[in-house]
Protein backbone atom coordinates (compact mmCIF):
# COMPACT_ATOMS: atom_id res chain seq x y z
CA SER A 1 20.83 132.83 89.60
CA ALA A 2 23.42 130.79 87.70
CA THR A 3 21.38 131.07 84.48
CA PRO A 4 20.41 134.76 84.16
CA ASP A 5 19.42 134.29 80.52
CA ILE A 6 16.74 131.70 81.41
CA ASP A 7 13.60 132.26 83.47
CA GLU A 8 12.75 128.82 84.84
CA SER A 9 9.44 130.08 86.24
CA THR A 10 8.08 129.98 82.68
CA TRP A 11 8.41 126.19 82.76
CA ARG A 12 5.70 125.64 85.39
CA ASP A 13 2.96 125.19 82.78
CA ASN A 14 4.92 122.98 80.38
CA ALA A 15 2.86 119.92 81.32
CA TRP A 16 -0.08 121.70 79.70
CA ALA A 17 1.80 122.83 76.58
CA THR A 18 0.88 120.80 73.50
CA GLY A 19 4.29 121.15 71.90
CA HIS A 20 6.14 119.77 74.91
CA VAL A 21 3.69 116.90 75.38
CA GLU A 22 3.98 115.88 71.74
CA ARG A 23 7.76 115.54 72.08
CA VAL A 24 7.28 112.52 74.38
CA ARG A 25 4.21 111.10 72.65
CA ASN A 26 5.97 107.78 71.91
CA ALA A 27 8.37 107.63 74.85
CA ALA A 28 9.14 104.14 76.10
CA GLY A 29 10.05 105.31 79.58
CA PHE A 30 9.60 108.17 82.04
CA TRP A 31 11.91 108.93 84.97
CA PHE A 32 11.09 111.18 87.91
CA THR A 33 14.10 112.65 89.73
CA GLY A 34 14.50 113.40 93.41
CA GLY A 35 13.90 116.68 95.17
CA ASP A 36 10.45 117.76 96.31
CA GLN A 37 7.59 115.38 95.56
CA MET A 38 5.06 118.18 96.06
CA ARG A 39 6.67 120.08 93.17
CA ILE A 40 6.27 117.03 90.91
CA THR A 41 2.59 116.52 91.69
CA GLN A 42 1.79 120.23 91.54
CA THR A 43 3.43 120.43 88.11
CA LEU A 44 1.36 117.58 86.70
CA ARG A 45 -1.98 118.57 88.31
CA ASN A 46 -3.47 121.99 88.86
CA ALA A 47 -4.81 123.36 92.15
CA GLU A 48 -8.29 122.01 91.37
CA GLY A 49 -6.92 118.49 90.91
CA GLU A 50 -7.30 118.44 87.12
CA GLU A 51 -4.66 116.31 85.44
CA SER A 52 -2.42 117.85 82.81
CA PRO A 53 -2.19 116.50 79.25
CA LEU A 54 1.31 115.28 80.09
CA LEU A 55 0.08 113.22 83.04
CA ALA A 56 -2.71 111.79 80.90
CA LEU A 57 -0.14 110.81 78.28
CA ILE A 58 2.11 109.16 80.88
CA ARG A 59 -0.84 107.08 82.11
CA ALA A 60 -1.65 106.04 78.56
CA ARG A 61 1.96 105.09 77.87
CA LEU A 62 2.11 103.03 81.08
CA ALA A 63 -1.01 101.15 80.03
CA ALA A 64 0.62 100.51 76.65
CA GLY A 65 3.72 98.98 78.25
CA ALA A 66 6.07 101.89 78.89
CA VAL A 67 8.23 101.90 82.01
CA ILE A 68 7.81 104.51 84.76
CA GLY A 69 10.47 104.93 87.43
CA GLY A 70 11.75 107.40 89.95
CA SER A 71 14.21 107.93 92.78
CA SER A 72 13.66 109.59 96.15
CA ALA A 73 10.83 112.08 95.56
CA GLY A 74 10.27 110.31 92.26
CA ALA A 75 9.53 107.11 94.19
CA ALA A 76 7.24 108.81 96.73
CA ILE A 77 4.83 109.94 94.00
CA MET A 78 4.18 106.38 92.78
CA SER A 79 1.37 105.53 95.21
CA ARG A 80 -2.13 107.02 95.36
CA ASP A 81 -1.47 108.50 98.79
CA MET A 82 1.87 110.24 99.19
CA ILE A 83 4.14 110.94 102.14
CA ALA A 84 5.48 114.46 101.67
CA GLY A 85 7.28 115.10 104.96
CA GLY A 86 7.87 114.12 108.56
CA ILE A 87 10.02 111.83 110.70
CA SER A 88 9.07 108.59 112.43
CA PHE A 89 9.35 109.82 116.01
CA ARG A 90 7.05 112.79 115.53
CA ALA A 91 4.73 110.90 113.18
CA LEU A 92 3.94 108.33 115.87
CA LEU A 93 3.67 110.71 118.83
CA GLU A 94 2.35 113.99 117.43
CA PRO A 95 -0.66 115.04 115.32
CA LEU A 96 -0.30 115.12 111.54
CA ALA A 97 0.79 118.40 109.98
CA SER A 98 -1.97 120.42 108.33
CA ALA A 99 0.29 122.32 105.95
CA TYR A 100 3.52 121.76 104.05
CA SER A 101 6.27 124.35 104.11
CA ASP A 102 9.31 122.99 102.26
CA THR A 103 11.61 119.99 101.89
CA GLU A 104 13.18 120.61 105.32
CA ASP A 105 9.99 119.16 106.81
CA GLN A 106 10.94 115.80 105.32
CA ASP A 107 13.73 115.40 107.86
CA SER A 108 12.44 117.27 110.91
CA GLY A 109 8.72 117.91 110.88
CA ARG A 110 5.46 116.14 111.62
CA LEU A 111 3.95 113.75 109.12
CA TYR A 112 2.39 115.47 106.13
CA LEU A 113 0.35 113.53 103.59
CA ALA A 114 -0.74 114.54 100.12
CA ARG A 115 -2.12 113.01 96.96
CA GLY A 116 0.32 111.02 94.85
CA LEU A 117 0.07 110.03 91.19
CA GLY A 118 -1.07 106.45 91.77
CA PHE A 119 0.99 104.61 89.16
CA LEU A 120 1.29 101.83 91.75
CA THR A 121 -2.25 100.48 92.01
CA SER A 122 -2.19 99.61 95.73
CA GLY A 123 -0.20 100.34 98.86
CA LEU A 124 1.86 103.26 100.10
CA VAL A 125 5.51 103.94 99.20
CA ASP A 126 8.27 105.40 101.37
CA GLN A 127 11.94 105.83 100.44
CA HIS A 128 15.41 106.39 101.96
CA PHE A 129 13.91 103.84 104.33
CA ASP A 130 16.97 102.43 106.09
CA ARG A 131 19.11 105.54 106.42
CA LYS A 132 16.32 107.85 107.58
CA ALA A 133 14.61 105.33 109.90
CA ARG A 134 11.21 105.78 108.29
CA LEU A 135 9.52 102.61 109.56
CA GLY A 136 7.35 104.45 112.10
CA ARG A 137 6.48 107.16 109.57
CA LEU A 138 5.20 104.58 107.10
CA VAL A 139 3.11 102.88 109.80
CA ARG A 140 1.47 106.17 110.80
CA ALA A 141 0.83 107.09 107.17
CA MET A 142 -0.83 103.73 106.52
CA ALA A 143 -3.11 104.26 109.51
CA ALA A 144 -4.04 107.76 108.36
CA THR A 145 -4.79 106.73 104.78
CA GLY A 146 -6.34 103.31 105.43
CA GLN A 147 -3.79 101.62 103.21
CA ALA A 148 -3.35 97.93 104.05
CA HIS A 149 0.10 97.56 102.49
CA GLY A 150 3.29 99.59 102.78
CA PHE A 151 6.53 99.45 100.79
CA GLY A 152 9.70 100.89 102.35
CA ILE A 153 12.59 101.11 99.87
CA ASP A 154 16.17 101.39 101.11
CA GLU A 155 18.80 103.60 99.51
CA ASP A 156 20.69 102.10 96.53
CA THR A 157 17.68 99.83 96.10
CA ALA A 158 14.81 99.49 93.63
CA LEU A 159 11.41 97.86 93.72
CA GLU A 160 10.57 96.60 90.22
CA VAL A 161 6.80 96.14 89.92
CA ARG A 162 5.17 94.31 87.02
CA LEU A 163 1.57 95.46 87.23
CA GLY A 164 0.14 92.93 84.80
CA GLU A 165 1.79 90.02 86.59
CA ASP A 166 0.98 90.97 90.22
CA SER A 167 4.65 90.55 91.12
CA ALA A 168 7.56 92.65 92.32
CA ARG A 169 11.30 92.10 92.61
CA VAL A 170 13.89 93.78 94.82
CA LEU A 171 17.04 95.05 93.08
CA GLY A 172 20.17 96.78 94.34
CA ARG A 173 22.18 96.73 97.55
CA GLY A 174 19.54 97.15 100.25
CA SER A 175 16.17 95.65 101.11
CA VAL A 176 12.50 96.45 100.71
CA THR A 177 10.37 96.38 103.86
CA LEU A 178 6.76 95.21 103.51
CA LEU A 179 4.06 96.11 106.02
CA ASP A 180 0.72 94.29 106.11
CA ALA A 181 -1.93 96.08 108.18
CA THR A 182 -4.79 93.70 107.33
CA HIS A 183 -5.29 92.84 111.03
CA ALA A 184 -3.64 95.89 112.58
CA ARG A 185 -5.15 97.94 115.39
CA TYR A 186 -4.21 101.57 115.96
CA SER A 187 -4.56 103.66 119.11
CA PHE A 188 -2.43 106.77 118.72
CA GLY A 189 -2.26 108.81 121.89
CA SER A 190 -2.33 105.72 124.12
CA PRO A 191 0.64 103.64 125.34
CA ALA A 192 -0.19 100.84 122.86
CA LEU A 193 0.11 102.74 119.60
CA VAL A 194 0.00 99.88 117.09
CA ALA A 195 -0.76 96.18 117.43
CA ASP A 196 -0.76 93.19 115.09
CA LEU A 197 1.04 94.62 112.10
CA GLU A 198 2.98 92.08 110.06
CA ILE A 199 6.41 92.99 108.76
CA SER A 200 8.61 91.35 106.13
CA VAL A 201 12.02 92.36 104.77
CA ILE A 202 12.89 91.24 101.23
CA ALA A 203 16.50 90.92 100.07
CA PRO A 204 17.80 91.80 96.59
CA GLY A 205 16.82 89.31 93.89
CA ASP A 206 13.80 87.95 95.75
CA ARG A 207 10.26 88.35 94.46
CA PHE A 208 6.84 88.70 96.11
CA ARG A 209 3.20 89.00 95.08
CA VAL A 210 1.98 92.61 95.21
CA SER A 211 -1.66 91.82 96.05
CA ASP A 212 -0.98 89.91 99.29
CA LEU A 213 2.79 90.40 99.88
CA GLU A 214 3.46 86.64 99.82
CA LEU A 215 7.03 85.63 99.00
CA LEU A 216 7.27 84.04 95.53
CA ASN A 217 10.90 82.99 95.47
CA THR A 218 14.16 83.45 97.34
CA ALA A 219 17.75 82.40 96.77
CA GLY A 220 18.38 82.12 100.51
CA ASP A 221 18.55 79.07 102.76
CA ALA A 222 15.83 78.68 105.39
CA THR A 223 16.93 79.60 108.93
CA VAL A 224 14.01 78.59 111.16
CA GLY A 225 14.74 75.15 112.60
CA LYS A 226 18.44 75.36 111.78
CA GLU A 227 19.42 78.70 113.25
CA TYR A 228 23.09 79.65 113.13
CA PHE A 229 23.13 81.82 116.27
CA GLY A 230 22.19 81.03 119.85
CA TYR A 231 22.84 84.20 121.84
CA GLU A 232 20.32 86.24 123.82
CA PRO A 233 20.19 89.63 122.08
CA LEU A 234 20.30 92.78 124.15
CA GLN A 235 16.90 94.48 124.15
CA GLY A 236 17.62 98.14 123.60
CA GLY A 237 18.57 100.64 120.97
CA GLY A 238 21.03 103.21 119.77
CA MET A 239 24.52 103.38 118.35
CA ALA A 240 26.04 101.10 121.00
CA LEU A 241 24.12 98.03 119.76
CA ALA A 242 25.04 95.80 116.85
CA ASN A 243 22.86 95.08 113.79
CA PRO A 244 21.34 98.56 113.41
CA ARG A 245 19.67 97.82 110.09
CA LEU A 246 16.22 96.26 110.11
CA ASP A 247 17.24 93.28 107.98
CA GLN A 248 20.23 92.63 110.24
CA SER A 249 18.17 92.83 113.44
CA LEU A 250 15.39 90.57 112.22
CA GLY A 251 17.92 88.18 110.69
CA HIS A 252 20.85 87.87 113.10
CA ASP A 253 18.96 88.62 116.32
CA LEU A 254 15.60 86.93 115.64
CA LEU A 255 14.93 84.53 112.75
CA ASP A 256 18.47 83.08 112.60
CA ASN A 257 18.78 82.89 116.40
CA ASP A 258 17.29 80.01 118.38
CA ALA A 259 17.69 81.89 121.70
CA SER A 260 15.28 84.65 120.76
CA ARG A 261 11.62 84.87 119.73
CA VAL A 262 11.06 88.51 120.73
CA LEU A 263 13.22 91.50 119.82
CA LYS A 264 12.68 95.03 121.17
CA ARG A 265 14.27 98.21 119.93
CA TYR A 266 13.99 101.50 121.85
CA SER A 267 14.23 105.11 120.71
CA ILE A 268 14.21 108.10 123.08
CA ASP A 269 14.29 111.86 122.72
CA GLU A 270 15.77 114.45 125.08
CA VAL A 271 12.48 115.11 126.91
CA GLY A 272 12.02 111.44 127.82
CA ARG A 273 9.57 110.25 125.19
CA VAL A 274 10.28 106.62 124.35
CA LEU A 275 9.15 104.50 121.41
CA VAL A 276 9.36 100.72 121.61
CA TYR A 277 9.33 98.58 118.46
CA ARG A 278 8.56 94.96 119.38
CA PHE A 279 9.14 92.22 116.80
CA THR A 280 7.78 88.74 117.56
CA GLN A 281 8.49 85.49 115.74
CA THR A 282 5.23 83.61 115.11
CA ASP A 283 4.23 80.37 113.43
CA ARG A 284 3.96 82.34 110.18
CA SER A 285 7.48 83.72 110.44
CA ALA A 286 10.19 82.53 108.08
CA GLY A 287 13.80 83.54 107.54
CA TYR A 288 16.21 82.99 104.65
CA TRP A 289 19.94 83.72 104.54
CA ARG A 290 22.51 83.95 101.82
CA ASN A 291 25.94 85.50 101.53
CA ALA A 292 26.76 87.84 98.66
CA GLY A 293 30.45 88.62 98.69
CA ALA A 294 31.27 89.81 102.18
CA ARG A 295 27.71 90.67 103.13
CA ASP A 296 24.88 88.69 104.67
CA HIS A 297 21.45 89.08 103.08
CA TYR A 298 18.34 88.14 105.01
CA THR A 299 14.81 87.80 103.73
CA VAL A 300 12.39 87.68 106.65
CA THR A 301 8.61 87.25 106.40
CA GLY A 302 5.59 87.10 108.69
CA VAL A 303 7.00 88.78 111.82
CA ARG A 304 4.49 90.41 114.17
CA PHE A 305 5.18 94.09 114.77
CA ASP A 306 3.82 96.19 117.66
CA ILE A 307 4.67 99.74 118.75
CA PHE A 308 4.41 101.18 122.27
CA SER A 309 5.14 104.55 123.84
CA LEU A 310 6.61 105.23 127.27
CA ARG A 311 7.69 108.24 129.24
CA VAL A 312 10.81 108.39 131.42
CA THR A 313 12.39 111.08 133.57
CA LEU A 314 15.86 112.02 132.44
CA PRO A 315 18.52 113.57 134.69
CA PRO A 316 19.16 117.31 134.29
CA HIS A 317 21.62 118.27 131.57
C-alpha cells in the first residue's frame, strides 16, 4: 500500500524472466534475506517442482565458485529438507502439521517441513537457534526426514561452509549446535522420545568437518581433567536457573565441572506436559574454554543427548 504506483504481484515470475536472469549471469555472490522461506522456494520453483532458470543459474554459479549466503529464512532454505514452521515443544509432543498457513506458524504451530534448495549437500539447517529454543524442533525434523546431521545456528552467528574442502567454520557472537543422529533411536508418543543422539556446540572461530562433524581445530583450552568448577548443578529449568544458553549449560554445568556428569533441563506447559532434555558426559565428550573480552566461549563435543516426556498434575489456576 505504500507504493501505489508499483504492483509487486507482477514480480512473482521474475525468476523465469530471461532479462532478469541475465542481469546476474556473472554474479559472484547471492544473498537470501529473511522473512518467509516458503516464499523463497515457491519463487524459485513452480508448483510442479520444476526449477526456474534463475535457480539453475545460481546452482551453476555456486559450482563455479560463487558464494551463496542467507539469514533467517535465507539460512533455512540451504538444506535439501527445510523446516518451515513450528516450535520445539509441539514438534516433540504433537503430530507434524500437514499444511502451512503463514509465518506465524514459525513461532507457535506444529512442525511443518518442506523442500529446501539443497545448496548444503548434507544435513538439516535451523536458525534463530538459541533465542527461539529450537533444539527439540531440529531433533524432530531430523527424525522425520531421516537426516543424520543437524546444524543449529544462533542469532548474530554464521556457519561458513566450504563445500570443496569438507569443512565449516563458526563466525559471529553465538555458537553452532551440531546433532549427530547416526546411532539415534526415536519413539515419539512414548515416554522415551529420543535416545542416543550426540550433541556438540561449536564456538566462534572453531572449525569442524562437515561429513562427520569432527572438530578440526579450536582456540580453547581443554577442560576435561582440569575442570574449573566443582559444584553440583541444579537439575531443572526455567528463568530462575543460571546458564540458560546451551553452550553455557554444557560448558559451566557439565564439561567444565568435575561434580557433574549428567545435566537435565525441564520444560513444562500449563496443562502439565513436561519435556526432559538429558545431557550425559561420555568417554567421547570433550570441552574447550576460552575468554573473549568479558565473555566465556565453550566448544563442547561428543555429549550424549536423550529426550523424555512426562505428565504432571498442576494445581488449579
